[in-house]
C-alpha atoms as a PDB file:
ATOM      1  CA  MET A   1       0.000   0.000   0.000  1.00  0.00           C
ATOM      2  CA  ALA A   2       1.149   3.526  -0.827  1.00  0.00           C
ATOM      3  CA  SER A   3       0.476   4.648   2.736  1.00  0.00           C
ATOM      4  CA  VAL A   4       3.075   2.212   4.086  1.00  0.00           C
ATOM      5  CA  SER A   5       5.902   3.138   1.723  1.00  0.00           C
ATOM      6  CA  ALA A   6       5.219   6.872   1.417  1.00  0.00           C
ATOM      7  CA  PRO A   7       7.602   9.296   3.167  1.00  0.00           C
ATOM      8  CA  LEU A   8       6.561  10.482   6.611  1.00  0.00           C
ATOM      9  CA  VAL A   9       5.435  13.990   5.617  1.00  0.00           C
ATOM     10  CA  MET A  10       3.225  12.591   2.864  1.00  0.00           C
ATOM     11  CA  ARG A  11       1.612  10.147   5.288  1.00  0.00           C
ATOM     12  CA  ILE A  12       0.949  12.903   7.800  1.00  0.00           C
ATOM     13  CA  VAL A  13      -0.758  15.054   5.164  1.00  0.00           C
ATOM     14  CA  ALA A  14      -2.772  12.099   3.852  1.00  0.00           C
ATOM     15  CA  SER A  15      -3.958  11.148   7.330  1.00  0.00           C
ATOM     16  CA  SER A  16      -4.664  14.757   8.333  1.00  0.00           C
ATOM     17  CA  ILE A  17      -6.987  15.180   5.347  1.00  0.00           C
ATOM     18  CA  GLN A  18      -9.112  12.334   6.719  1.00  0.00           C
ATOM     19  CA  ILE A  19      -8.837  13.394  10.359  1.00  0.00           C
ATOM     20  CA  ALA A  20      -9.841  17.003   9.644  1.00  0.00           C
ATOM     21  CA  GLY A  21     -13.024  15.778   8.000  1.00  0.00           C
ATOM     22  CA  ARG A  22     -13.938  13.770  11.096  1.00  0.00           C
ATOM     23  CA  ALA A  23     -13.250  16.777  13.316  1.00  0.00           C
ATOM     24  CA  GLY A  24     -15.556  18.784  11.092  1.00  0.00           C
ATOM     25  CA  ARG A  25     -18.378  16.308  11.678  1.00  0.00           C
ATOM     26  CA  ILE A  26     -17.855  16.616  15.424  1.00  0.00           C
ATOM     27  CA  ILE A  27     -18.132  20.405  15.131  1.00  0.00           C
ATOM     28  CA  ARG A  28     -21.424  20.091  13.234  1.00  0.00           C
ATOM     29  CA  ASP A  29     -22.733  17.531  15.741  1.00  0.00           C
ATOM     30  CA  VAL A  30     -22.097  19.855  18.700  1.00  0.00           C
ATOM     31  CA  MET A  31     -23.893  22.702  16.952  1.00  0.00           C
ATOM     32  CA  ALA A  32     -26.818  20.435  16.066  1.00  0.00           C
ATOM     33  CA  LYS A  33     -27.269  19.431  19.719  1.00  0.00           C
ATOM     34  CA  GLY A  34     -27.676  23.109  20.654  1.00  0.00           C
ATOM     35  CA  ASP A  35     -25.485  23.242  23.773  1.00  0.00           C
ATOM     36  CA  LEU A  36     -22.134  24.742  22.765  1.00  0.00           C
ATOM     37  CA  GLY A  37     -20.618  24.463  26.256  1.00  0.00           C
ATOM     38  CA  ILE A  38     -18.969  27.889  26.014  1.00  0.00           C
ATOM     39  CA  VAL A  39     -16.055  28.714  28.321  1.00  0.00           C
ATOM     40  CA  GLU A  40     -14.404  32.155  28.354  1.00  0.00           C
ATOM     41  CA  LYS A  41     -10.616  31.641  28.317  1.00  0.00           C
ATOM     42  CA  GLY A  42      -9.867  35.379  28.263  1.00  0.00           C
ATOM     43  CA  LYS A  43     -11.060  38.658  26.778  1.00  0.00           C
ATOM     44  CA  ASP A  44     -12.669  37.912  23.397  1.00  0.00           C
ATOM     45  CA  ASP A  45     -11.292  34.359  23.630  1.00  0.00           C
ATOM     46  CA  LEU A  46     -13.953  31.670  23.764  1.00  0.00           C
ATOM     47  CA  GLN A  47     -13.801  27.887  23.825  1.00  0.00           C
ATOM     48  CA  THR A  48     -16.703  25.550  23.089  1.00  0.00           C
ATOM     49  CA  GLU A  49     -17.350  21.840  23.414  1.00  0.00           C
ATOM     50  CA  ALA A  50     -16.684  21.664  19.677  1.00  0.00           C
ATOM     51  CA  ASP A  51     -13.154  23.091  20.161  1.00  0.00           C
ATOM     52  CA  ARG A  52     -12.399  20.587  22.900  1.00  0.00           C
ATOM     53  CA  SER A  53     -13.864  17.512  21.209  1.00  0.00           C
ATOM     54  CA  ALA A  54     -12.449  18.268  17.760  1.00  0.00           C
ATOM     55  CA  GLN A  55      -8.975  18.653  19.261  1.00  0.00           C
ATOM     56  CA  ARG A  56      -9.272  15.365  21.141  1.00  0.00           C
ATOM     57  CA  CYS A  57     -10.208  13.625  17.880  1.00  0.00           C
ATOM     58  CA  ILE A  58      -7.309  15.174  15.967  1.00  0.00           C
ATOM     59  CA  VAL A  59      -4.620  14.709  18.595  1.00  0.00           C
ATOM     60  CA  ALA A  60      -5.683  11.171  19.524  1.00  0.00           C
ATOM     61  CA  SER A  61      -5.723  10.094  15.882  1.00  0.00           C
ATOM     62  CA  LEU A  62      -2.367  11.677  15.010  1.00  0.00           C
ATOM     63  CA  THR A  63      -0.746  10.381  18.203  1.00  0.00           C
ATOM     64  CA  LYS A  64      -1.798   6.826  17.439  1.00  0.00           C
ATOM     65  CA  LEU A  65      -0.416   7.043  13.893  1.00  0.00           C
ATOM     66  CA  PHE A  66       2.723   9.083  14.638  1.00  0.00           C
ATOM     67  CA  PRO A  67       3.653   8.619  18.314  1.00  0.00           C
ATOM     68  CA  GLY A  68       7.046  10.328  17.984  1.00  0.00           C
ATOM     69  CA  VAL A  69       5.780  13.599  16.523  1.00  0.00           C
ATOM     70  CA  THR A  70       5.308  16.698  18.685  1.00  0.00           C
ATOM     71  CA  ILE A  71       1.712  17.943  18.476  1.00  0.00           C
ATOM     72  CA  ILE A  72       0.728  21.360  19.822  1.00  0.00           C
ATOM     73  CA  GLY A  73      -2.977  22.170  20.024  1.00  0.00           C
ATOM     74  CA  GLU A  74      -4.708  25.428  20.853  1.00  0.00           C
ATOM     75  CA  GLU A  75      -6.690  23.884  23.697  1.00  0.00           C
ATOM     76  CA  GLY A  76      -3.639  22.592  25.569  1.00  0.00           C
ATOM     77  CA  SER A  77      -3.251  18.987  26.686  1.00  0.00           C
ATOM     78  CA  SER A  78      -6.101  16.708  25.681  1.00  0.00           C
ATOM     79  CA  ASP A  79      -7.710  13.599  27.101  1.00  0.00           C
ATOM     80  CA  LEU A  80      -6.878  11.008  24.449  1.00  0.00           C
ATOM     81  CA  LYS A  81      -9.439   8.472  25.677  1.00  0.00           C
ATOM     82  CA  VAL A  82     -11.967   9.162  22.961  1.00  0.00           C
ATOM     83  CA  PRO A  83     -14.840   7.230  21.362  1.00  0.00           C
ATOM     84  CA  ASP A  84     -13.625   4.614  18.891  1.00  0.00           C
ATOM     85  CA  ASP A  85     -15.249   6.373  15.954  1.00  0.00           C
ATOM     86  CA  TRP A  86     -13.180   9.492  16.688  1.00  0.00           C
ATOM     87  CA  ILE A  87      -9.966   7.606  15.954  1.00  0.00           C
ATOM     88  CA  ILE A  88      -9.165   7.927  12.254  1.00  0.00           C
ATOM     89  CA  SER A  89      -6.419   5.609  11.084  1.00  0.00           C
ATOM     90  CA  ASP A  90      -6.807   5.657   7.298  1.00  0.00           C
ATOM     91  CA  PHE A  91      -5.001   7.786   4.729  1.00  0.00           C
ATOM     92  CA  ASN A  92      -6.306   9.777   1.784  1.00  0.00           C
ATOM     93  CA  SER A  93      -5.265   7.463  -1.029  1.00  0.00           C
ATOM     94  CA  GLU A  94      -5.925  10.021  -3.771  1.00  0.00           C
ATOM     95  CA  PHE A  95      -3.381  12.421  -2.279  1.00  0.00           C
ATOM     96  CA  LEU A  96      -0.743   9.691  -2.011  1.00  0.00           C
ATOM     97  CA  GLU A  97      -1.370   8.305  -5.487  1.00  0.00           C
ATOM     98  CA  ARG A  98      -1.340  11.640  -7.310  1.00  0.00           C
ATOM     99  CA  ASN A  99       1.565  13.405  -5.618  1.00  0.00           C
ATOM    100  CA  THR A 100       5.289  12.789  -5.279  1.00  0.00           C
ATOM    101  CA  CYS A 101       7.182  13.840  -2.192  1.00  0.00           C
ATOM    102  CA  PRO A 102       9.666  16.688  -2.775  1.00  0.00           C
ATOM    103  CA  ASP A 103      13.272  15.576  -2.402  1.00  0.00           C
ATOM    104  CA  ALA A 104      13.825  18.004   0.476  1.00  0.00           C
ATOM    105  CA  LEU A 105      11.139  16.252   2.545  1.00  0.00           C
ATOM    106  CA  ARG A 106      11.920  12.606   1.798  1.00  0.00           C
ATOM    107  CA  GLN A 107      14.243  11.987   4.741  1.00  0.00           C
ATOM    108  CA  VAL A 108      12.317  13.925   7.381  1.00  0.00           C
ATOM    109  CA  LYS A 109      12.142  12.134  10.756  1.00  0.00           C
ATOM    110  CA  GLU A 110       9.483  12.381  13.448  1.00  0.00           C
ATOM    111  CA  SER A 111      11.894  14.384  15.620  1.00  0.00           C
ATOM    112  CA  ASP A 112      12.123  17.056  12.872  1.00  0.00           C
ATOM    113  CA  LEU A 113       8.382  17.659  12.909  1.00  0.00           C
ATOM    114  CA  VAL A 114       5.865  19.700  14.849  1.00  0.00           C
ATOM    115  CA  ILE A 115       2.146  19.551  14.057  1.00  0.00           C
ATOM    116  CA  TRP A 116       0.158  22.658  15.008  1.00  0.00           C
ATOM    117  CA  VAL A 117      -3.566  22.122  15.554  1.00  0.00           C
ATOM    118  CA  ASP A 118      -6.341  24.682  15.717  1.00  0.00           C
ATOM    119  CA  PRO A 119      -9.384  22.406  16.057  1.00  0.00           C
ATOM    120  CA  LEU A 120     -11.860  25.222  15.446  1.00  0.00           C
ATOM    121  CA  ASP A 121     -10.465  28.430  14.007  1.00  0.00           C
ATOM    122  CA  GLY A 122     -13.058  31.165  14.275  1.00  0.00           C
ATOM    123  CA  THR A 123     -14.765  30.210  17.536  1.00  0.00           C
ATOM    124  CA  GLY A 124     -16.378  33.644  17.731  1.00  0.00           C
ATOM    125  CA  GLU A 125     -17.779  33.148  14.246  1.00  0.00           C
ATOM    126  CA  TYR A 126     -19.056  29.705  15.278  1.00  0.00           C
ATOM    127  CA  THR A 127     -20.918  31.028  18.313  1.00  0.00           C
ATOM    128  CA  GLN A 128     -22.386  33.944  16.346  1.00  0.00           C
ATOM    129  CA  GLY A 129     -23.594  31.916  13.378  1.00  0.00           C
ATOM    130  CA  PHE A 130     -21.016  32.867  10.714  1.00  0.00           C
ATOM    131  CA  LEU A 131     -20.490  29.180  10.090  1.00  0.00           C
ATOM    132  CA  GLU A 132     -18.952  29.355   6.605  1.00  0.00           C
ATOM    133  CA  ARG A 133     -15.947  31.103   8.212  1.00  0.00           C
ATOM    134  CA  VAL A 134     -15.172  28.236  10.608  1.00  0.00           C
ATOM    135  CA  THR A 135     -12.136  26.100   9.740  1.00  0.00           C
ATOM    136  CA  VAL A 136     -10.173  23.180  11.159  1.00  0.00           C
ATOM    137  CA  LEU A 137      -6.424  23.799  10.799  1.00  0.00           C
ATOM    138  CA  ILE A 138      -3.653  21.190  10.888  1.00  0.00           C
ATOM    139  CA  GLY A 139      -0.228  22.649  10.111  1.00  0.00           C
ATOM    140  CA  ILE A 140       2.964  20.641   9.578  1.00  0.00           C
ATOM    141  CA  SER A 141       6.359  22.203  10.238  1.00  0.00           C
ATOM    142  CA  VAL A 142       9.779  20.740   9.527  1.00  0.00           C
ATOM    143  CA  ASN A 143      12.813  22.247  11.231  1.00  0.00           C
ATOM    144  CA  ASP A 144      10.870  25.372  12.226  1.00  0.00           C
ATOM    145  CA  ARG A 145       9.287  26.077   8.832  1.00  0.00           C
ATOM    146  CA  ALA A 146       5.671  25.512   7.772  1.00  0.00           C
ATOM    147  CA  VAL A 147       5.733  23.031   4.886  1.00  0.00           C
ATOM    148  CA  GLY A 148       2.267  21.468   4.780  1.00  0.00           C
ATOM    149  CA  GLY A 149      -1.227  22.332   5.839  1.00  0.00           C
ATOM    150  CA  ILE A 150      -4.863  21.253   5.872  1.00  0.00           C
ATOM    151  CA  ILE A 151      -7.748  23.731   5.988  1.00  0.00           C
ATOM    152  CA  HIS A 152     -11.134  22.050   6.445  1.00  0.00           C
ATOM    153  CA  GLN A 153     -14.412  23.959   6.255  1.00  0.00           C
ATOM    154  CA  PRO A 154     -17.081  21.983   8.147  1.00  0.00           C
ATOM    155  CA  TYR A 155     -19.936  24.111   6.795  1.00  0.00           C
ATOM    156  CA  PHE A 156     -18.893  24.458   3.173  1.00  0.00           C
ATOM    157  CA  SER A 157     -21.734  23.177   1.023  1.00  0.00           C
ATOM    158  CA  THR A 158     -22.572  22.755  -2.634  1.00  0.00           C
ATOM    159  CA  ASP A 159     -25.798  22.099  -4.474  1.00  0.00           C
ATOM    160  CA  SER A 160     -25.523  18.462  -3.393  1.00  0.00           C
ATOM    161  CA  LYS A 161     -26.130  19.689   0.193  1.00  0.00           C
ATOM    162  CA  GLU A 162     -23.158  17.687   1.418  1.00  0.00           C
ATOM    163  CA  PHE A 163     -21.257  19.599   4.076  1.00  0.00           C
ATOM    164  CA  GLY A 164     -17.518  19.943   4.318  1.00  0.00           C
ATOM    165  CA  ARG A 165     -14.530  20.754   2.146  1.00  0.00           C
ATOM    166  CA  THR A 166     -10.892  19.912   2.793  1.00  0.00           C
ATOM    167  CA  ILE A 167      -8.104  21.942   1.190  1.00  0.00           C
ATOM    168  CA  TRP A 168      -4.470  20.880   1.430  1.00  0.00           C
ATOM    169  CA  GLY A 169      -1.144  22.379   0.466  1.00  0.00           C
ATOM    170  CA  VAL A 170       2.455  21.167   0.512  1.00  0.00           C
ATOM    171  CA  LYS A 171       5.358  23.378  -0.510  1.00  0.00           C
ATOM    172  CA  ASP A 172       6.994  22.236  -3.778  1.00  0.00           C
ATOM    173  CA  ILE A 173       3.910  20.127  -4.593  1.00  0.00           C
ATOM    174  CA  GLY A 174       1.024  22.594  -4.740  1.00  0.00           C
ATOM    175  CA  THR A 175      -2.519  22.573  -3.437  1.00  0.00           C
ATOM    176  CA  GLY A 176      -5.722  20.571  -3.794  1.00  0.00           C
ATOM    177  CA  GLY A 177      -9.353  20.464  -2.775  1.00  0.00           C
ATOM    178  CA  PHE A 178     -10.433  23.743  -4.367  1.00  0.00           C
ATOM    179  CA  VAL A 179     -10.246  25.756  -7.583  1.00  0.00           C
ATOM    180  CA  PRO A 180      -7.781  28.676  -7.267  1.00  0.00           C
ATOM    181  CA  GLU A 181      -8.963  32.060  -8.536  1.00  0.00           C
ATOM    182  CA  ASN A 182      -7.265  35.409  -9.114  1.00  0.00           C
ATOM    183  CA  ALA A 183      -8.591  38.510  -7.414  1.00  0.00           C
ATOM    184  CA  PRO A 184      -9.941  41.347  -9.604  1.00  0.00           C
ATOM    185  CA  SER A 185      -7.207  43.239 -11.454  1.00  0.00           C
ATOM    186  CA  ASP A 186      -9.014  46.579 -11.424  1.00  0.00           C
ATOM    187  CA  ARG A 187      -9.285  47.008  -7.649  1.00  0.00           C
ATOM    188  CA  PHE A 188      -7.345  46.228  -4.477  1.00  0.00           C
ATOM    189  CA  ILE A 189      -9.113  44.250  -1.740  1.00  0.00           C
ATOM    190  CA  VAL A 190      -7.775  43.597   1.755  1.00  0.00           C
ATOM    191  CA  THR A 191      -9.097  41.138   4.328  1.00  0.00           C
ATOM    192  CA  THR A 192      -8.561  41.826   8.016  1.00  0.00           C
ATOM    193  CA  THR A 193      -9.901  41.221  11.510  1.00  0.00           C
ATOM    194  CA  ARG A 194     -13.567  41.642  12.314  1.00  0.00           C
ATOM    195  CA  SER A 195     -13.298  42.073  16.069  1.00  0.00           C
ATOM    196  CA  HIS A 196      -9.672  42.805  17.091  1.00  0.00           C
ATOM    197  CA  SER A 197      -8.963  46.181  15.522  1.00  0.00           C
ATOM    198  CA  ASN A 198      -6.987  49.044  17.088  1.00  0.00           C
ATOM    199  CA  ALA A 199      -5.199  52.223  15.988  1.00  0.00           C
ATOM    200  CA  VAL A 200      -2.152  50.373  14.640  1.00  0.00           C
ATOM    201  CA  VAL A 201      -4.298  47.886  12.698  1.00  0.00           C
ATOM    202  CA  GLN A 202      -6.232  50.783  11.185  1.00  0.00           C
ATOM    203  CA  ALA A 203      -3.066  52.752  10.335  1.00  0.00           C
ATOM    204  CA  ALA A 204      -1.748  49.793   8.333  1.00  0.00           C
ATOM    205  CA  LEU A 205      -5.010  49.515   6.419  1.00  0.00           C
ATOM    206  CA  ASP A 206      -5.181  53.256   5.743  1.00  0.00           C
ATOM    207  CA  ALA A 207      -1.643  53.249   4.324  1.00  0.00           C
ATOM    208  CA  LEU A 208      -2.599  50.648   1.713  1.00  0.00           C
ATOM    209  CA  SER A 209      -5.663  52.616   0.496  1.00  0.00           C
ATOM    210  CA  PRO A 210      -7.663  49.516  -0.462  1.00  0.00           C
ATOM    211  CA  ASP A 211     -10.772  49.804  -2.594  1.00  0.00           C
ATOM    212  CA  GLU A 212     -12.521  47.393  -0.239  1.00  0.00           C
ATOM    213  CA  ILE A 213     -11.861  45.954   3.219  1.00  0.00           C
ATOM    214  CA  LEU A 214     -13.367  42.593   4.154  1.00  0.00           C
ATOM    215  CA  LYS A 215     -13.635  42.242   7.936  1.00  0.00           C
ATOM    216  CA  VAL A 216     -14.015  38.595   8.905  1.00  0.00           C
ATOM    217  CA  GLY A 217     -12.919  36.262  11.696  1.00  0.00           C
ATOM    218  CA  GLY A 218     -10.542  33.323  11.469  1.00  0.00           C
ATOM    219  CA  ALA A 219      -7.030  33.233   9.989  1.00  0.00           C
ATOM    220  CA  GLY A 220      -7.926  30.158   7.961  1.00  0.00           C
ATOM    221  CA  TYR A 221     -10.900  31.885   6.362  1.00  0.00           C
ATOM    222  CA  LYS A 222      -8.887  35.021   5.572  1.00  0.00           C
ATOM    223  CA  VAL A 223      -6.285  32.952   3.728  1.00  0.00           C
ATOM    224  CA  LEU A 224      -9.066  31.144   1.867  1.00  0.00           C
ATOM    225  CA  GLN A 225     -10.121  34.544   0.549  1.00  0.00           C
ATOM    226  CA  LEU A 226      -6.633  34.972  -0.918  1.00  0.00           C
ATOM    227  CA  LEU A 227      -6.655  31.485  -2.417  1.00  0.00           C
ATOM    228  CA  GLU A 228     -10.073  31.939  -4.000  1.00  0.00           C
ATOM    229  CA  GLY A 229      -9.535  35.414  -5.455  1.00  0.00           C
ATOM    230  CA  LYS A 230     -11.769  37.351  -3.073  1.00  0.00           C
ATOM    231  CA  ALA A 231      -8.915  39.456  -1.668  1.00  0.00           C
ATOM    232  CA  HIS A 232      -5.367  40.399  -2.625  1.00  0.00           C
ATOM    233  CA  ALA A 233      -3.871  40.754   0.859  1.00  0.00           C
ATOM    234  CA  TYR A 234      -4.469  39.750   4.484  1.00  0.00           C
ATOM    235  CA  VAL A 235      -3.274  42.520   6.784  1.00  0.00           C
ATOM    236  CA  PHE A 236      -3.323  42.327  10.584  1.00  0.00           C
ATOM    237  CA  ALA A 237      -0.887  44.633  12.409  1.00  0.00           C
ATOM    238  CA  SER A 238      -1.514  43.199  15.871  1.00  0.00           C
ATOM    239  CA  ALA A 239      -0.375  40.358  18.112  1.00  0.00           C
ATOM    240  CA  GLY A 240      -3.732  38.559  18.189  1.00  0.00           C
ATOM    241  CA  CYS A 241      -2.809  35.380  16.273  1.00  0.00           C
ATOM    242  CA  LYS A 242      -0.983  32.292  17.514  1.00  0.00           C
ATOM    243  CA  LYS A 243       1.213  29.737  15.750  1.00  0.00           C
ATOM    244  CA  TRP A 244      -1.679  27.257  15.393  1.00  0.00           C
ATOM    245  CA  ASP A 245      -3.656  29.974  13.560  1.00  0.00           C
ATOM    246  CA  THR A 246      -1.045  30.523  10.854  1.00  0.00           C
ATOM    247  CA  CYS A 247       1.036  27.350  10.365  1.00  0.00           C
ATOM    248  CA  ALA A 248      -1.446  25.542   8.113  1.00  0.00           C
ATOM    249  CA  PRO A 249      -2.643  28.691   6.266  1.00  0.00           C
ATOM    250  CA  GLU A 250       0.966  29.782   5.624  1.00  0.00           C
ATOM    251  CA  ALA A 251       1.881  26.405   4.170  1.00  0.00           C
ATOM    252  CA  VAL A 252      -1.186  26.236   1.914  1.00  0.00           C
ATOM    253  CA  LEU A 253      -0.863  29.851   0.740  1.00  0.00           C
ATOM    254  CA  GLU A 254       2.834  29.495  -0.063  1.00  0.00           C
ATOM    255  CA  ALA A 255       2.271  26.148  -1.786  1.00  0.00           C
ATOM    256  CA  GLN A 256      -0.115  28.063  -4.066  1.00  0.00           C
ATOM    257  CA  GLY A 257       2.482  30.763  -4.805  1.00  0.00           C
ATOM    258  CA  GLY A 258       1.508  33.390  -2.235  1.00  0.00           C
ATOM    259  CA  MET A 259       3.350  34.446   0.891  1.00  0.00           C
ATOM    260  CA  LEU A 260       2.650  34.830   4.612  1.00  0.00           C
ATOM    261  CA  THR A 261       4.996  36.613   7.011  1.00  0.00           C
ATOM    262  CA  ASP A 262       4.863  38.968   9.961  1.00  0.00           C
ATOM    263  CA  ILE A 263       4.365  42.710   9.396  1.00  0.00           C
ATOM    264  CA  LEU A 264       8.147  43.119   9.017  1.00  0.00           C
ATOM    265  CA  GLY A 265       8.363  40.497   6.266  1.00  0.00           C
ATOM    266  CA  ARG A 266       9.840  37.712   8.391  1.00  0.00           C
ATOM    267  CA  HIS A 267       8.552  34.161   8.357  1.00  0.00           C
ATOM    268  CA  TYR A 268       7.424  32.819  11.696  1.00  0.00           C
ATOM    269  CA  ARG A 269       9.218  29.839  13.214  1.00  0.00           C
ATOM    270  CA  TYR A 270       7.150  26.779  14.111  1.00  0.00           C
ATOM    271  CA  GLY A 271       9.532  24.627  16.133  1.00  0.00           C
ATOM    272  CA  SER A 272       8.580  23.029  19.423  1.00  0.00           C
ATOM    273  CA  ASP A 273      10.495  25.631  21.461  1.00  0.00           C
ATOM    274  CA  VAL A 274       8.889  28.819  20.080  1.00  0.00           C
ATOM    275  CA  SER A 275       6.466  31.064  21.942  1.00  0.00           C
ATOM    276  CA  TYR A 276       2.899  30.634  20.780  1.00  0.00           C
ATOM    277  CA  PRO A 277       1.831  34.252  20.072  1.00  0.00           C
ATOM    278  CA  ASN A 278       2.572  35.775  16.675  1.00  0.00           C
ATOM    279  CA  ALA A 279       3.810  38.960  18.301  1.00  0.00           C
ATOM    280  CA  CYS A 280       4.509  40.832  15.075  1.00  0.00           C
ATOM    281  CA  GLY A 281       1.197  40.535  13.254  1.00  0.00           C
ATOM    282  CA  VAL A 282       0.402  38.909   9.927  1.00  0.00           C
ATOM    283  CA  LEU A 283       0.797  39.919   6.294  1.00  0.00           C
ATOM    284  CA  GLY A 284      -0.440  37.508   3.647  1.00  0.00           C
ATOM    285  CA  THR A 285      -0.431  38.092  -0.102  1.00  0.00           C
ATOM    286  CA  ALA A 286      -2.058  36.106  -2.880  1.00  0.00           C
ATOM    287  CA  LYS A 287      -0.198  34.579  -5.793  1.00  0.00           C
ATOM    288  CA  GLY A 288       0.872  37.300  -8.215  1.00  0.00           C
ATOM    289  CA  ILE A 289       0.806  40.078  -5.606  1.00  0.00           C
ATOM    290  CA  SER A 290       4.135  41.655  -4.621  1.00  0.00           C
ATOM    291  CA  HIS A 291       4.665  41.063  -0.921  1.00  0.00           C
ATOM    292  CA  ASP A 292       7.585  43.501  -0.930  1.00  0.00           C
ATOM    293  CA  GLU A 293       5.526  46.311  -2.451  1.00  0.00           C
ATOM    294  CA  ILE A 294       2.898  46.020   0.258  1.00  0.00           C
ATOM    295  CA  LEU A 295       5.572  45.864   2.972  1.00  0.00           C
ATOM    296  CA  ALA A 296       7.101  49.048   1.572  1.00  0.00           C
ATOM    297  CA  LYS A 297       3.784  50.905   1.878  1.00  0.00           C
ATOM    298  CA  LEU A 298       3.369  50.159   5.581  1.00  0.00           C
ATOM    299  CA  PRO A 299       4.318  53.165   7.764  1.00  0.00           C
ATOM    300  CA  GLU A 300       7.432  53.066   9.947  1.00  0.00           C
ATOM    301  CA  SER A 301       5.191  53.743  12.943  1.00  0.00           C
ATOM    302  CA  VAL A 302       3.342  50.466  12.275  1.00  0.00           C
ATOM    303  CA  LYS A 303       6.572  48.523  11.807  1.00  0.00           C
ATOM    304  CA  GLN A 304       8.046  49.987  14.985  1.00  0.00           C
ATOM    305  CA  ALA A 305       4.931  49.002  16.928  1.00  0.00           C
ATOM    306  CA  MET A 306       5.316  45.448  15.613  1.00  0.00           C
ATOM    307  CA  ASN A 307       9.108  45.237  15.939  1.00  0.00           C
ATOM    308  CA  LYS A 308       9.209  42.502  18.545  1.00  0.00           C
ATOM    309  CA  THR A 309      11.059  39.221  18.552  1.00  0.00           C
ATOM    310  CA  THR A 310       9.320  36.218  16.987  1.00  0.00           C
END
């Protein structure tokens, strides 16, 4: 079987595609039952039963398949005694059959890897009914750098009324699970935070003079807007994000030809020893958009406010 002989990174991506879909079903099940079990972790920082259960599913499944890999989840340590049907042990055969592992990733060992898990990105959106913006994020880093990612939308639907869509990306392979689109060439559209704005965030937006600003929650959903041609740039000059918010989106966006860095143009590190907050904000650009040109337009006052160690 391809899953047995495939390099480690390829097996992790192929299993994460399946696991993310199961986590998405858990998220829908919690919503359908009506009791979200909301806990307030901090100011504007909520956790629901869906966050907790989806993470237990993801971490338990990945731990069983890859016991030597470091896994860091947003909700902290998880009880891995989960229902049997939450344990996903199969691999996405289509991914393995259609893609070849890049040479640079063939010899990767479990000790080189960290998997970053955001079981429900956009919890505020989830509790307020903006369900299409909710994503499950599984990011794969090798030697500090994001190289692979899965973005699952539990509430994505088509005319068939089947819920769920899983997008994947691996650097030097590309992306799958969606149809990439280019944003309009006659206007400049920026996506940014819906609920975490401040004077520095606004100053960065003002400096770019966008024709339209899309204010939505969830880092995963913002990057989807870049991938699908709804926005040219994702601009957030604040320390609100964490590593589990951006690892998977960065990998998918860059596999598609875009770029994601901090506000100073530096890539975040995703090793096991890094601090979790993305202290220097986020700047994402779609394929074909000059990251450097947008960086150059940001005021020095914004860059100075964000000039903190990563």
